[in-house]
């Protein structure tokens, strides 16, 4: 019997274009085969920030433009590269396995608005790709090894969206997740 966690977690996310996700799907598949079930709970997406309520469409569009500008600052033809796996503690007592990115968070026009919670310094200050929910140190070591074998991850096309999800746990420490993704707003063309 499941005991529901009634808390709804809301994130502002960047969704990499599906054509770029092949190495991440392979990494999640290999983690799943190794017994890491949290890699199947959410689709691969980039955590940008935690919000109290969905961000308006005009704000999502501006954020997508700002992320595009940030991606072009490194003179890498607008590509965002995956760096190395790590563990991140997020609001709502959620620990995730993530992949750091060569993308710095823009000075969001949203930060002075009351519906955005800025992560604490020890939490995710920069965007990262979520690989698995509810991960620990053993999973991190495995992910580092598998990521080196899987090959590099990079993308330059993506869309900003609101994500809402709730985690459910049962007595056997099994986790399931219900999630809903809002309308995506694509980053401007990289050219």
C-alpha atoms as a PDB file:
ATOM      1  CA  UNK A   1       0.000   0.000   0.000  1.00  0.00           C
ATOM      2  CA  UNK A   2       1.380   3.368  -0.976  1.00  0.00           C
ATOM      3  CA  UNK A   3       1.522   6.273   1.421  1.00  0.00           C
ATOM      4  CA  UNK A   4       1.289   9.409  -0.659  1.00  0.00           C
ATOM      5  CA  UNK A   5       3.524  12.390  -0.224  1.00  0.00           C
ATOM      6  CA  UNK A   6       0.991  15.135  -0.838  1.00  0.00           C
ATOM      7  CA  UNK A   7       3.669  17.776  -1.402  1.00  0.00           C
ATOM      8  CA  UNK A   8       3.812  18.960  -4.991  1.00  0.00           C
ATOM      9  CA  UNK A   9       7.305  19.973  -6.041  1.00  0.00           C
ATOM     10  CA  UNK A  10       7.543  22.644  -8.716  1.00  0.00           C
ATOM     11  CA  UNK A  11      10.639  23.227 -10.775  1.00  0.00           C
ATOM     12  CA  UNK A  12      11.551  25.487 -13.624  1.00  0.00           C
ATOM     13  CA  UNK A  13      13.382  23.256 -16.112  1.00  0.00           C
ATOM     14  CA  UNK A  14      15.202  23.280 -19.426  1.00  0.00           C
ATOM     15  CA  UNK A  15      14.432  20.261 -21.609  1.00  0.00           C
ATOM     16  CA  UNK A  16      17.296  19.355 -23.954  1.00  0.00           C
ATOM     17  CA  UNK A  17      16.285  18.414 -27.483  1.00  0.00           C
ATOM     18  CA  UNK A  18      15.564  14.679 -27.644  1.00  0.00           C
ATOM     19  CA  UNK A  19      18.193  14.100 -30.358  1.00  0.00           C
ATOM     20  CA  UNK A  20      20.944  15.023 -27.889  1.00  0.00           C
ATOM     21  CA  UNK A  21      19.758  12.703 -25.100  1.00  0.00           C
ATOM     22  CA  UNK A  22      21.067   9.385 -26.451  1.00  0.00           C
ATOM     23  CA  UNK A  23      24.064   9.214 -24.042  1.00  0.00           C
ATOM     24  CA  UNK A  24      21.850  10.144 -21.080  1.00  0.00           C
ATOM     25  CA  UNK A  25      19.247   7.516 -21.947  1.00  0.00           C
ATOM     26  CA  UNK A  26      22.072   4.987 -22.191  1.00  0.00           C
ATOM     27  CA  UNK A  27      23.440   6.089 -18.800  1.00  0.00           C
ATOM     28  CA  UNK A  28      19.973   5.839 -17.201  1.00  0.00           C
ATOM     29  CA  UNK A  29      19.447   2.398 -18.782  1.00  0.00           C
ATOM     30  CA  UNK A  30      22.737   1.143 -17.379  1.00  0.00           C
ATOM     31  CA  UNK A  31      21.953   2.606 -13.940  1.00  0.00           C
ATOM     32  CA  UNK A  32      18.535   0.904 -14.070  1.00  0.00           C
ATOM     33  CA  UNK A  33      20.201  -2.405 -14.913  1.00  0.00           C
ATOM     34  CA  UNK A  34      22.445  -1.889 -11.873  1.00  0.00           C
ATOM     35  CA  UNK A  35      19.402  -1.476  -9.595  1.00  0.00           C
ATOM     36  CA  UNK A  36      19.085   2.328  -9.533  1.00  0.00           C
ATOM     37  CA  UNK A  37      15.337   2.791  -9.999  1.00  0.00           C
ATOM     38  CA  UNK A  38      15.347   6.582  -9.518  1.00  0.00           C
ATOM     39  CA  UNK A  39      16.657   7.079 -13.047  1.00  0.00           C
ATOM     40  CA  UNK A  40      13.255   6.134 -14.470  1.00  0.00           C
ATOM     41  CA  UNK A  41      11.151   8.523 -12.386  1.00  0.00           C
ATOM     42  CA  UNK A  42      11.573  11.734 -14.419  1.00  0.00           C
ATOM     43  CA  UNK A  43      12.558  12.359 -18.028  1.00  0.00           C
ATOM     44  CA  UNK A  44      16.064  13.820 -18.471  1.00  0.00           C
ATOM     45  CA  UNK A  45      15.745  17.544 -17.838  1.00  0.00           C
ATOM     46  CA  UNK A  46      17.850  20.413 -16.566  1.00  0.00           C
ATOM     47  CA  UNK A  47      16.922  21.773 -13.129  1.00  0.00           C
ATOM     48  CA  UNK A  48      17.048  25.580 -13.227  1.00  0.00           C
ATOM     49  CA  UNK A  49      15.199  26.664 -10.063  1.00  0.00           C
ATOM     50  CA  UNK A  50      12.464  25.802  -7.580  1.00  0.00           C
ATOM     51  CA  UNK A  51       9.251  27.821  -7.780  1.00  0.00           C
ATOM     52  CA  UNK A  52       6.129  28.123  -5.649  1.00  0.00           C
ATOM     53  CA  UNK A  53       3.768  28.313  -8.596  1.00  0.00           C
ATOM     54  CA  UNK A  54       4.072  27.923 -12.378  1.00  0.00           C
ATOM     55  CA  UNK A  55       5.970  30.719 -14.090  1.00  0.00           C
ATOM     56  CA  UNK A  56       4.032  32.739 -16.660  1.00  0.00           C
ATOM     57  CA  UNK A  57       4.635  32.170 -20.358  1.00  0.00           C
ATOM     58  CA  UNK A  58       6.250  35.587 -20.890  1.00  0.00           C
ATOM     59  CA  UNK A  59       8.731  34.858 -18.108  1.00  0.00           C
ATOM     60  CA  UNK A  60       9.511  31.423 -19.578  1.00  0.00           C
ATOM     61  CA  UNK A  61      10.232  33.057 -22.944  1.00  0.00           C
ATOM     62  CA  UNK A  62      12.589  35.602 -21.379  1.00  0.00           C
ATOM     63  CA  UNK A  63      14.354  32.861 -19.422  1.00  0.00           C
ATOM     64  CA  UNK A  64      14.784  30.809 -22.608  1.00  0.00           C
ATOM     65  CA  UNK A  65      16.380  33.866 -24.280  1.00  0.00           C
ATOM     66  CA  UNK A  66      18.672  34.414 -21.294  1.00  0.00           C
ATOM     67  CA  UNK A  67      19.753  30.769 -21.285  1.00  0.00           C
ATOM     68  CA  UNK A  68      20.558  31.019 -25.010  1.00  0.00           C
ATOM     69  CA  UNK A  69      22.692  34.115 -24.352  1.00  0.00           C
ATOM     70  CA  UNK A  70      24.510  32.282 -21.553  1.00  0.00           C
ATOM     71  CA  UNK A  71      25.129  29.280 -23.785  1.00  0.00           C
ATOM     72  CA  UNK A  72      26.837  31.495 -26.365  1.00  0.00           C
ATOM     73  CA  UNK A  73      29.215  33.185 -23.904  1.00  0.00           C
ATOM     74  CA  UNK A  74      31.803  30.387 -24.163  1.00  0.00           C
ATOM     75  CA  UNK A  75      32.197  30.664 -27.965  1.00  0.00           C
ATOM     76  CA  UNK A  76      31.313  26.974 -28.350  1.00  0.00           C
ATOM     77  CA  UNK A  77      28.742  27.589 -31.096  1.00  0.00           C
ATOM     78  CA  UNK A  78      26.017  27.674 -28.446  1.00  0.00           C
ATOM     79  CA  UNK A  79      26.653  24.151 -27.116  1.00  0.00           C
ATOM     80  CA  UNK A  80      26.088  23.272 -23.476  1.00  0.00           C
ATOM     81  CA  UNK A  81      28.390  20.461 -22.338  1.00  0.00           C
ATOM     82  CA  UNK A  82      27.924  17.865 -19.619  1.00  0.00           C
ATOM     83  CA  UNK A  83      30.785  18.032 -17.116  1.00  0.00           C
ATOM     84  CA  UNK A  84      30.681  15.462 -14.294  1.00  0.00           C
ATOM     85  CA  UNK A  85      28.034  13.673 -12.194  1.00  0.00           C
ATOM     86  CA  UNK A  86      27.355  14.892  -8.657  1.00  0.00           C
ATOM     87  CA  UNK A  87      24.780  14.771  -5.858  1.00  0.00           C
ATOM     88  CA  UNK A  88      22.525  17.788  -5.312  1.00  0.00           C
ATOM     89  CA  UNK A  89      20.280  18.584  -2.334  1.00  0.00           C
ATOM     90  CA  UNK A  90      17.185  20.463  -3.410  1.00  0.00           C
ATOM     91  CA  UNK A  91      14.318  22.115  -1.535  1.00  0.00           C
ATOM     92  CA  UNK A  92      11.757  19.579  -0.357  1.00  0.00           C
ATOM     93  CA  UNK A  93      14.493  17.271   1.030  1.00  0.00           C
ATOM     94  CA  UNK A  94      15.162  15.791  -2.401  1.00  0.00           C
ATOM     95  CA  UNK A  95      18.603  14.417  -3.220  1.00  0.00           C
ATOM     96  CA  UNK A  96      19.255  13.852  -6.893  1.00  0.00           C
ATOM     97  CA  UNK A  97      22.038  12.508  -9.054  1.00  0.00           C
ATOM     98  CA  UNK A  98      22.820  15.170 -11.608  1.00  0.00           C
ATOM     99  CA  UNK A  99      25.249  16.094 -14.329  1.00  0.00           C
ATOM    100  CA  UNK A 100      26.855  19.518 -14.000  1.00  0.00           C
ATOM    101  CA  UNK A 101      26.743  21.619 -17.149  1.00  0.00           C
ATOM    102  CA  UNK A 102      28.859  24.318 -18.757  1.00  0.00           C
ATOM    103  CA  UNK A 103      25.895  26.662 -18.358  1.00  0.00           C
ATOM    104  CA  UNK A 104      25.756  29.390 -15.757  1.00  0.00           C
ATOM    105  CA  UNK A 105      22.412  30.521 -14.429  1.00  0.00           C
ATOM    106  CA  UNK A 106      21.464  33.893 -15.877  1.00  0.00           C
ATOM    107  CA  UNK A 107      20.467  36.812 -13.712  1.00  0.00           C
ATOM    108  CA  UNK A 108      16.844  35.828 -13.828  1.00  0.00           C
ATOM    109  CA  UNK A 109      14.312  38.602 -14.133  1.00  0.00           C
ATOM    110  CA  UNK A 110      12.280  36.306 -11.902  1.00  0.00           C
ATOM    111  CA  UNK A 111      14.496  36.451  -8.807  1.00  0.00           C
ATOM    112  CA  UNK A 112      12.903  39.539  -7.302  1.00  0.00           C
ATOM    113  CA  UNK A 113       9.463  38.046  -7.679  1.00  0.00           C
ATOM    114  CA  UNK A 114       7.930  36.230  -4.709  1.00  0.00           C
ATOM    115  CA  UNK A 115       7.092  33.077  -6.677  1.00  0.00           C
ATOM    116  CA  UNK A 116      10.724  32.022  -7.097  1.00  0.00           C
ATOM    117  CA  UNK A 117      12.865  30.465  -4.391  1.00  0.00           C
ATOM    118  CA  UNK A 118      16.578  30.862  -4.998  1.00  0.00           C
ATOM    119  CA  UNK A 119      18.565  27.761  -4.023  1.00  0.00           C
ATOM    120  CA  UNK A 120      20.774  28.079  -0.935  1.00  0.00           C
ATOM    121  CA  UNK A 121      24.537  28.214  -1.581  1.00  0.00           C
ATOM    122  CA  UNK A 122      25.036  24.553  -0.592  1.00  0.00           C
ATOM    123  CA  UNK A 123      22.242  23.603  -2.953  1.00  0.00           C
ATOM    124  CA  UNK A 124      22.143  23.788  -6.720  1.00  0.00           C
ATOM    125  CA  UNK A 125      23.438  27.221  -7.662  1.00  0.00           C
ATOM    126  CA  UNK A 126      23.800  26.367 -11.335  1.00  0.00           C
ATOM    127  CA  UNK A 127      21.629  24.387 -13.734  1.00  0.00           C
ATOM    128  CA  UNK A 128      22.335  20.649 -13.915  1.00  0.00           C
ATOM    129  CA  UNK A 129      20.824  17.707 -15.754  1.00  0.00           C
ATOM    130  CA  UNK A 130      18.765  15.441 -13.472  1.00  0.00           C
ATOM    131  CA  UNK A 131      19.760  11.801 -13.975  1.00  0.00           C
ATOM    132  CA  UNK A 132      18.097  10.066 -11.000  1.00  0.00           C
ATOM    133  CA  UNK A 133      16.017  10.979  -7.951  1.00  0.00           C
ATOM    134  CA  UNK A 134      16.872   9.720  -4.450  1.00  0.00           C
ATOM    135  CA  UNK A 135      20.509   8.830  -5.118  1.00  0.00           C
ATOM    136  CA  UNK A 136      23.418   8.281  -2.705  1.00  0.00           C
ATOM    137  CA  UNK A 137      27.229   8.105  -2.712  1.00  0.00           C
ATOM    138  CA  UNK A 138      27.329   4.547  -4.103  1.00  0.00           C
ATOM    139  CA  UNK A 139      25.147   5.579  -7.033  1.00  0.00           C
ATOM    140  CA  UNK A 140      27.370   8.613  -7.628  1.00  0.00           C
ATOM    141  CA  UNK A 141      30.503   6.456  -7.960  1.00  0.00           C
ATOM    142  CA  UNK A 142      28.713   4.105 -10.347  1.00  0.00           C
ATOM    143  CA  UNK A 143      27.387   7.043 -12.391  1.00  0.00           C
ATOM    144  CA  UNK A 144      30.869   8.561 -12.724  1.00  0.00           C
ATOM    145  CA  UNK A 145      32.235   5.286 -14.037  1.00  0.00           C
ATOM    146  CA  UNK A 146      29.342   4.714 -16.436  1.00  0.00           C
ATOM    147  CA  UNK A 147      29.372   8.307 -17.690  1.00  0.00           C
ATOM    148  CA  UNK A 148      33.025   7.969 -18.720  1.00  0.00           C
ATOM    149  CA  UNK A 149      32.106   4.817 -20.659  1.00  0.00           C
ATOM    150  CA  UNK A 150      28.944   6.251 -22.209  1.00  0.00           C
ATOM    151  CA  UNK A 151      30.489   9.226 -23.926  1.00  0.00           C
ATOM    152  CA  UNK A 152      30.049  12.988 -23.634  1.00  0.00           C
ATOM    153  CA  UNK A 153      26.719  14.759 -23.432  1.00  0.00           C
ATOM    154  CA  UNK A 154      26.159  18.086 -25.152  1.00  0.00           C
ATOM    155  CA  UNK A 155      23.236  20.005 -26.583  1.00  0.00           C
ATOM    156  CA  UNK A 156      22.385  23.426 -27.898  1.00  0.00           C
ATOM    157  CA  UNK A 157      18.634  23.236 -28.463  1.00  0.00           C
ATOM    158  CA  UNK A 158      16.218  23.097 -25.559  1.00  0.00           C
ATOM    159  CA  UNK A 159      12.964  24.446 -24.170  1.00  0.00           C
ATOM    160  CA  UNK A 160      12.052  26.044 -20.840  1.00  0.00           C
ATOM    161  CA  UNK A 161       8.981  24.666 -19.050  1.00  0.00           C
ATOM    162  CA  UNK A 162       7.307  24.347 -15.670  1.00  0.00           C
ATOM    163  CA  UNK A 163       7.423  20.907 -14.050  1.00  0.00           C
ATOM    164  CA  UNK A 164       5.189  19.725 -11.206  1.00  0.00           C
ATOM    165  CA  UNK A 165       5.663  16.338  -9.569  1.00  0.00           C
ATOM    166  CA  UNK A 166       4.929  14.413  -6.406  1.00  0.00           C
ATOM    167  CA  UNK A 167       6.830  11.459  -5.003  1.00  0.00           C
ATOM    168  CA  UNK A 168       5.090   8.465  -3.479  1.00  0.00           C
ATOM    169  CA  UNK A 169       6.754   5.904  -1.229  1.00  0.00           C
ATOM    170  CA  UNK A 170       5.631   2.519   0.007  1.00  0.00           C
ATOM    171  CA  UNK A 171       6.737   0.524   3.043  1.00  0.00           C
ATOM    172  CA  UNK A 172       9.486  -1.230   1.062  1.00  0.00           C
ATOM    173  CA  UNK A 173      11.263   2.071   0.301  1.00  0.00           C
ATOM    174  CA  UNK A 174      10.086   1.867  -3.288  1.00  0.00           C
ATOM    175  CA  UNK A 175       9.442   5.230  -4.923  1.00  0.00           C
ATOM    176  CA  UNK A 176       7.102   6.216  -7.696  1.00  0.00           C
ATOM    177  CA  UNK A 177       6.605   9.647  -9.195  1.00  0.00           C
ATOM    178  CA  UNK A 178       3.724  11.444 -10.867  1.00  0.00           C
ATOM    179  CA  UNK A 179       4.750  14.406 -12.976  1.00  0.00           C
ATOM    180  CA  UNK A 180       3.311  16.951 -15.367  1.00  0.00           C
ATOM    181  CA  UNK A 181       5.258  19.162 -17.731  1.00  0.00           C
ATOM    182  CA  UNK A 182       3.935  22.543 -18.809  1.00  0.00           C
ATOM    183  CA  UNK A 183       4.102  24.080 -22.273  1.00  0.00           C
ATOM    184  CA  UNK A 184       7.708  24.260 -23.544  1.00  0.00           C
ATOM    185  CA  UNK A 185       9.215  27.564 -24.719  1.00  0.00           C
ATOM    186  CA  UNK A 186      12.167  27.000 -27.027  1.00  0.00           C
ATOM    187  CA  UNK A 187      15.471  28.812 -26.757  1.00  0.00           C
ATOM    188  CA  UNK A 188      16.162  31.153 -29.668  1.00  0.00           C
ATOM    189  CA  UNK A 189      18.051  29.679 -32.614  1.00  0.00           C
ATOM    190  CA  UNK A 190      21.766  29.388 -31.847  1.00  0.00           C
ATOM    191  CA  UNK A 191      22.911  31.250 -34.991  1.00  0.00           C
END
